[in-house]
C-alpha atoms as a PDB file:
ATOM      1  CA  VAL A   1       0.063  -0.025   0.017  1.00  0.00           C
ATOM      2  CA  GLN A   2       1.344   3.119  -0.694  1.00  0.00           C
ATOM      3  CA  LEU A   3      -0.291   6.510   0.707  1.00  0.00           C
ATOM      4  CA  GLN A   4       0.102  10.177  -0.725  1.00  0.00           C
ATOM      5  CA  ALA A   5      -0.721  13.140   1.672  1.00  0.00           C
ATOM      6  CA  SER A   6      -1.917  16.274   0.327  1.00  0.00           C
ATOM      7  CA  GLY A   7      -3.447  19.542   1.675  1.00  0.00           C
ATOM      8  CA  GLY A   8      -1.229  20.902   4.036  1.00  0.00           C
ATOM      9  CA  GLY A   9      -0.106  24.787   3.783  1.00  0.00           C
ATOM     10  CA  LEU A  10      -0.262  27.958   5.772  1.00  0.00           C
ATOM     11  CA  VAL A  11      -3.195  29.240   7.651  1.00  0.00           C
ATOM     12  CA  GLN A  12      -4.077  31.977  10.195  1.00  0.00           C
ATOM     13  CA  ALA A  13      -5.475  30.718  13.350  1.00  0.00           C
ATOM     14  CA  GLY A  14      -9.092  29.847  13.385  1.00  0.00           C
ATOM     15  CA  GLY A  15      -8.771  28.744   9.879  1.00  0.00           C
ATOM     16  CA  SER A  16      -9.465  25.637   8.159  1.00  0.00           C
ATOM     17  CA  LEU A  17      -7.797  23.271   5.992  1.00  0.00           C
ATOM     18  CA  ARG A  18      -8.460  19.771   4.533  1.00  0.00           C
ATOM     19  CA  LEU A  19      -6.155  16.938   4.527  1.00  0.00           C
ATOM     20  CA  SER A  20      -6.232  14.093   2.211  1.00  0.00           C
ATOM     21  CA  CYS A  21      -4.819  10.820   1.620  1.00  0.00           C
ATOM     22  CA  ALA A  22      -4.727   8.897  -1.481  1.00  0.00           C
ATOM     23  CA  ALA A  23      -4.206   5.236  -1.147  1.00  0.00           C
ATOM     24  CA  SER A  24      -3.112   2.480  -3.927  1.00  0.00           C
ATOM     25  CA  GLY A  25      -4.277  -0.872  -3.471  1.00  0.00           C
ATOM     26  CA  ARG A  26      -7.898  -2.836  -4.001  1.00  0.00           C
ATOM     27  CA  THR A  27      -8.305  -3.553  -0.298  1.00  0.00           C
ATOM     28  CA  PHE A  28      -8.705   0.206   0.888  1.00  0.00           C
ATOM     29  CA  SER A  29     -12.392  -0.477   2.210  1.00  0.00           C
ATOM     30  CA  SER A  30     -10.789  -3.045   4.676  1.00  0.00           C
ATOM     31  CA  TYR A  31      -8.113  -1.111   6.177  1.00  0.00           C
ATOM     32  CA  ALA A  32      -8.221   1.055   9.140  1.00  0.00           C
ATOM     33  CA  MET A  33      -6.976   4.583   8.239  1.00  0.00           C
ATOM     34  CA  GLY A  34      -5.493   7.511  10.552  1.00  0.00           C
ATOM     35  CA  TRP A  35      -3.604  10.594  10.991  1.00  0.00           C
ATOM     36  CA  PHE A  36      -0.546  11.372  13.125  1.00  0.00           C
ATOM     37  CA  ARG A  37       1.532  14.491  13.360  1.00  0.00           C
ATOM     38  CA  GLN A  38       4.980  15.663  14.422  1.00  0.00           C
ATOM     39  CA  ALA A  39       6.017  19.196  15.611  1.00  0.00           C
ATOM     40  CA  PRO A  40       9.525  20.358  15.558  1.00  0.00           C
ATOM     41  CA  GLY A  41      11.206  18.982  18.489  1.00  0.00           C
ATOM     42  CA  LYS A  42       8.470  16.417  19.437  1.00  0.00           C
ATOM     43  CA  GLU A  43       7.490  12.944  18.943  1.00  0.00           C
ATOM     44  CA  ARG A  44       5.125  11.727  16.204  1.00  0.00           C
ATOM     45  CA  GLU A  45       1.347  11.731  18.239  1.00  0.00           C
ATOM     46  CA  PHE A  46      -1.724  10.177  17.074  1.00  0.00           C
ATOM     47  CA  VAL A  47      -4.782  12.861  15.833  1.00  0.00           C
ATOM     48  CA  SER A  48      -7.472  10.566  14.334  1.00  0.00           C
ATOM     49  CA  ALA A  49      -8.441   7.393  13.060  1.00  0.00           C
ATOM     50  CA  ILE A  50     -11.242   5.382  11.053  1.00  0.00           C
ATOM     51  CA  ASN A  51     -11.665   2.121  10.876  1.00  0.00           C
ATOM     52  CA  TRP A  52     -13.430   0.026   8.232  1.00  0.00           C
ATOM     53  CA  ARG A  53     -17.064   0.490   9.321  1.00  0.00           C
ATOM     54  CA  SER A  54     -16.018   4.479   9.455  1.00  0.00           C
ATOM     55  CA  SER A  55     -16.367   4.646  13.368  1.00  0.00           C
ATOM     56  CA  THR A  56     -13.980   7.326  14.265  1.00  0.00           C
ATOM     57  CA  TYR A  57     -11.767   8.095  17.301  1.00  0.00           C
ATOM     58  CA  TYR A  58      -9.743  11.344  17.940  1.00  0.00           C
ATOM     59  CA  ALA A  59      -7.348  12.450  20.298  1.00  0.00           C
ATOM     60  CA  ASP A  60      -8.611  14.943  22.929  1.00  0.00           C
ATOM     61  CA  SER A  61      -6.696  17.976  21.444  1.00  0.00           C
ATOM     62  CA  VAL A  62      -8.392  17.769  18.210  1.00  0.00           C
ATOM     63  CA  LYS A  63     -11.957  16.543  19.459  1.00  0.00           C
ATOM     64  CA  GLY A  64     -14.828  18.779  18.399  1.00  0.00           C
ATOM     65  CA  ARG A  65     -12.478  20.791  15.753  1.00  0.00           C
ATOM     66  CA  PHE A  66     -11.372  18.199  13.348  1.00  0.00           C
ATOM     67  CA  THR A  67     -13.209  15.502  11.740  1.00  0.00           C
ATOM     68  CA  ILE A  68     -11.701  12.070   9.593  1.00  0.00           C
ATOM     69  CA  SER A  69     -13.969  10.374   6.934  1.00  0.00           C
ATOM     70  CA  ARG A  70     -13.157   8.434   4.123  1.00  0.00           C
ATOM     71  CA  ASP A  71     -14.458   7.531   0.579  1.00  0.00           C
ATOM     72  CA  ASN A  72     -13.872   3.851  -0.534  1.00  0.00           C
ATOM     73  CA  ALA A  73     -14.663   4.344  -3.955  1.00  0.00           C
ATOM     74  CA  LYS A  74     -11.632   7.050  -4.101  1.00  0.00           C
ATOM     75  CA  ASN A  75      -9.648   5.347  -2.105  1.00  0.00           C
ATOM     76  CA  THR A  76      -8.616   8.126   0.226  1.00  0.00           C
ATOM     77  CA  VAL A  77      -8.924   9.243   3.710  1.00  0.00           C
ATOM     78  CA  TYR A  78      -9.756  12.881   4.677  1.00  0.00           C
ATOM     79  CA  LEU A  79      -9.043  14.988   7.821  1.00  0.00           C
ATOM     80  CA  GLN A  80     -11.118  18.460   7.608  1.00  0.00           C
ATOM     81  CA  MET A  81      -9.201  20.538  10.642  1.00  0.00           C
ATOM     82  CA  ASN A  82     -11.231  24.059  11.691  1.00  0.00           C
ATOM     83  CA  SER A  83     -10.540  26.066  14.323  1.00  0.00           C
ATOM     84  CA  LEU A  84      -7.110  25.694  13.788  1.00  0.00           C
ATOM     85  CA  LYS A  85      -4.437  27.036  16.561  1.00  0.00           C
ATOM     86  CA  PRO A  86      -0.915  27.626  16.453  1.00  0.00           C
ATOM     87  CA  GLU A  87      -0.234  24.101  18.293  1.00  0.00           C
ATOM     88  CA  ASP A  88      -1.503  22.458  15.346  1.00  0.00           C
ATOM     89  CA  THR A  89       1.363  23.368  13.394  1.00  0.00           C
ATOM     90  CA  ALA A  90       3.138  20.076  12.419  1.00  0.00           C
ATOM     91  CA  VAL A  91       4.034  17.621   9.627  1.00  0.00           C
ATOM     92  CA  TYR A  92       0.695  15.433   9.436  1.00  0.00           C
ATOM     93  CA  TYR A  93       1.200  11.766   8.289  1.00  0.00           C
ATOM     94  CA  CYS A  94      -1.318   9.128   7.151  1.00  0.00           C
ATOM     95  CA  ALA A  95      -1.195   5.782   7.649  1.00  0.00           C
ATOM     96  CA  ALA A  96      -3.139   2.631   7.021  1.00  0.00           C
ATOM     97  CA  ASP A  97      -3.401  -1.084   8.759  1.00  0.00           C
ATOM     98  CA  LYS A  98      -4.412  -4.357   7.744  1.00  0.00           C
ATOM     99  CA  SER A  99      -6.183  -4.869  11.079  1.00  0.00           C
ATOM    100  CA  ALA A 100      -9.505  -3.089  10.248  1.00  0.00           C
ATOM    101  CA  SER A 101     -10.461  -2.263  13.498  1.00  0.00           C
ATOM    102  CA  THR A 102      -7.482  -0.868  14.976  1.00  0.00           C
ATOM    103  CA  TRP A 103      -7.419   2.715  16.382  1.00  0.00           C
ATOM    104  CA  TYR A 104      -3.970   2.732  15.924  1.00  0.00           C
ATOM    105  CA  PRO A 105      -3.069   2.260  12.350  1.00  0.00           C
ATOM    106  CA  ASN A 106       0.696   2.309  11.560  1.00  0.00           C
ATOM    107  CA  ASP A 107       1.354  -0.704   9.226  1.00  0.00           C
ATOM    108  CA  TYR A 108       1.940   1.889   5.808  1.00  0.00           C
ATOM    109  CA  TRP A 109       3.132   5.474   6.275  1.00  0.00           C
ATOM    110  CA  GLY A 110       2.697   8.416   3.868  1.00  0.00           C
ATOM    111  CA  GLN A 111       5.381  10.803   3.409  1.00  0.00           C
ATOM    112  CA  GLY A 112       3.704  13.761   5.406  1.00  0.00           C
ATOM    113  CA  THR A 113       2.353  17.068   4.593  1.00  0.00           C
ATOM    114  CA  LEU A 114       3.118  20.194   6.198  1.00  0.00           C
ATOM    115  CA  VAL A 115       0.498  22.295   8.097  1.00  0.00           C
ATOM    116  CA  THR A 116       1.337  25.687   9.579  1.00  0.00           C
ATOM    117  CA  VAL A 117      -0.951  27.755  11.850  1.00  0.00           C
ATOM    118  CA  SER A 118       0.086  31.304  12.302  1.00  0.00           C
ATOM    119  CA  SER A 119      -0.867  33.082  15.378  1.00  0.00           C
END
């Protein structure tokens, strides 16, 4: 499985961005998908995950502001980010997992897309 993340950029605090992650392969619908992020000088952290049934799970820091979704027809997972804060600044990575129900997908990783939120 190859993952290609896109949609990052520079946005002012309070703004919105939508990240996309396109996956190769014919079994996308059976994979759990997720987003992680890594801020400068910090470790990678979990952001959100969506399982094969489209049930979702979020880190407390983004709950109520971010929404993860998937379009199995397009082999794509999205992360809609609203009310962005400077502390959301990070490289965002998408991940996929063969374990369809895991809340910590980590079998495959995309290349990352940079999100910068200015104050």
